[in-house]
Amino acid sequence: MQKMKKAILKKVASASKFAAVKAAGTTSAASCHQPKEPKALKKPKK
């Protein structure tokens, strides 16, 4: 049970990181607000 739980959490974390990297630098969906992003997001660690 613990192995399956850990595998699911890793997949969710991976998907979240992928979405965050793709969203960095793009405009909002409604084009109402574009927050200032930290410089650290522009060069993600590998």
N, C-alpha and C. Protein backbone atom coordinates (compact mmCIF):
# COMPACT_ATOMS: atom_id res chain seq x y z
N MET A 1 0.83 -1.20 0.00
CA MET A 1 0.00 0.00 0.00
C MET A 1 0.87 1.26 0.00
N GLN A 2 1.94 1.25 0.78
CA GLN A 2 2.82 2.41 0.86
C GLN A 2 3.53 2.68 -0.47
N LYS A 3 3.92 1.61 -1.17
CA LYS A 3 4.60 1.79 -2.46
C LYS A 3 3.67 2.43 -3.48
N MET A 4 2.41 1.99 -3.48
CA MET A 4 1.45 2.54 -4.42
C MET A 4 1.17 4.00 -4.09
N LYS A 5 1.05 4.31 -2.82
CA LYS A 5 0.79 5.68 -2.38
C LYS A 5 1.95 6.60 -2.79
N LYS A 6 3.16 6.11 -2.60
CA LYS A 6 4.34 6.89 -2.96
C LYS A 6 4.43 7.10 -4.47
N ALA A 7 4.08 6.10 -5.25
CA ALA A 7 4.11 6.19 -6.71
C ALA A 7 3.09 7.22 -7.20
N ILE A 8 1.90 7.21 -6.60
CA ILE A 8 0.87 8.16 -6.99
C ILE A 8 1.31 9.58 -6.66
N LEU A 9 1.88 9.77 -5.48
CA LEU A 9 2.34 11.10 -5.08
C LEU A 9 3.45 11.61 -6.00
N LYS A 10 4.33 10.72 -6.44
CA LYS A 10 5.39 11.12 -7.37
C LYS A 10 4.80 11.56 -8.71
N LYS A 11 3.79 10.84 -9.20
CA LYS A 11 3.15 11.20 -10.47
C LYS A 11 2.45 12.55 -10.36
N VAL A 12 1.77 12.79 -9.24
CA VAL A 12 1.07 14.06 -9.05
C VAL A 12 2.08 15.21 -8.97
N ALA A 13 3.18 14.99 -8.27
CA ALA A 13 4.22 16.02 -8.17
C ALA A 13 4.84 16.30 -9.53
N SER A 14 5.06 15.27 -10.31
CA SER A 14 5.63 15.43 -11.65
C SER A 14 4.68 16.22 -12.55
N ALA A 15 3.41 15.91 -12.48
CA ALA A 15 2.42 16.62 -13.30
C ALA A 15 2.31 18.08 -12.86
N SER A 16 2.38 18.33 -11.57
CA SER A 16 2.32 19.70 -11.06
C SER A 16 3.52 20.51 -11.52
N LYS A 17 4.70 19.90 -11.49
CA LYS A 17 5.91 20.60 -11.93
C LYS A 17 5.82 20.90 -13.43
N PHE A 18 5.35 19.95 -14.21
CA PHE A 18 5.20 20.14 -15.64
C PHE A 18 4.26 21.31 -15.93
N ALA A 19 3.13 21.37 -15.23
CA ALA A 19 2.16 22.44 -15.44
C ALA A 19 2.74 23.79 -15.03
N ALA A 20 3.50 23.82 -13.94
CA ALA A 20 4.09 25.07 -13.46
C ALA A 20 5.13 25.60 -14.46
N VAL A 21 5.93 24.71 -15.01
CA VAL A 21 6.95 25.12 -15.97
C VAL A 21 6.29 25.64 -17.25
N LYS A 22 5.24 24.96 -17.71
CA LYS A 22 4.54 25.41 -18.93
C LYS A 22 3.82 26.73 -18.71
N ALA A 23 3.33 26.98 -17.51
CA ALA A 23 2.57 28.19 -17.21
C ALA A 23 3.48 29.40 -16.96
N ALA A 24 4.74 29.17 -16.66
CA ALA A 24 5.66 30.27 -16.34
C ALA A 24 5.82 31.16 -17.57
N GLY A 25 5.57 32.43 -17.41
CA GLY A 25 5.76 33.39 -18.49
C GLY A 25 4.58 33.56 -19.40
N THR A 26 3.49 32.84 -19.18
CA THR A 26 2.32 32.99 -20.03
C THR A 26 1.30 33.92 -19.37
N THR A 27 0.40 34.46 -20.17
CA THR A 27 -0.62 35.35 -19.62
C THR A 27 -1.72 34.53 -18.97
N SER A 28 -2.52 35.18 -18.16
CA SER A 28 -3.62 34.49 -17.50
C SER A 28 -4.71 34.14 -18.52
N ALA A 29 -5.58 33.24 -18.15
CA ALA A 29 -6.62 32.77 -19.07
C ALA A 29 -7.59 33.90 -19.43
N ALA A 30 -7.93 34.75 -18.49
CA ALA A 30 -8.88 35.83 -18.74
C ALA A 30 -8.17 37.13 -19.15
N SER A 31 -6.86 37.12 -19.17
CA SER A 31 -6.04 38.30 -19.52
C SER A 31 -6.33 39.50 -18.61
N CYS A 32 -6.73 39.22 -17.39
CA CYS A 32 -7.04 40.30 -16.45
C CYS A 32 -5.85 40.66 -15.57
N HIS A 33 -5.07 39.68 -15.19
CA HIS A 33 -4.01 39.92 -14.23
C HIS A 33 -2.79 39.09 -14.60
N GLN A 34 -1.65 39.72 -14.65
CA GLN A 34 -0.40 39.01 -14.89
C GLN A 34 0.55 39.31 -13.74
N PRO A 35 0.65 38.41 -12.76
CA PRO A 35 1.52 38.67 -11.62
C PRO A 35 2.99 38.64 -12.02
N LYS A 36 3.81 39.37 -11.29
CA LYS A 36 5.24 39.38 -11.55
C LYS A 36 5.84 38.08 -11.01
N GLU A 37 6.59 37.39 -11.84
CA GLU A 37 7.14 36.10 -11.45
C GLU A 37 8.58 36.26 -10.97
N PRO A 38 8.98 35.44 -9.98
CA PRO A 38 10.36 35.48 -9.51
C PRO A 38 11.33 35.03 -10.60
N LYS A 39 12.54 35.55 -10.57
CA LYS A 39 13.55 35.17 -11.57
C LYS A 39 13.93 33.71 -11.46
N ALA A 40 13.76 33.12 -10.27
CA ALA A 40 14.13 31.72 -10.08
C ALA A 40 13.27 30.78 -10.91
N LEU A 41 12.07 31.19 -11.27
CA LEU A 41 11.19 30.33 -12.07
C LEU A 41 11.63 30.28 -13.53
N LYS A 42 12.36 31.28 -13.97
CA LYS A 42 12.76 31.30 -15.37
C LYS A 42 13.86 30.29 -15.69
N LYS A 43 14.62 29.90 -14.67
CA LYS A 43 15.68 28.89 -14.85
C LYS A 43 15.45 27.75 -13.87
N PRO A 44 14.53 26.81 -14.19
CA PRO A 44 14.24 25.71 -13.25
C PRO A 44 15.42 24.75 -13.15
N LYS A 45 15.56 24.15 -12.00
CA LYS A 45 16.60 23.14 -11.79
C LYS A 45 16.23 21.87 -12.52
N LYS A 46 17.23 21.13 -12.91
CA LYS A 46 16.99 19.84 -13.59
C LYS A 46 17.24 18.71 -12.63
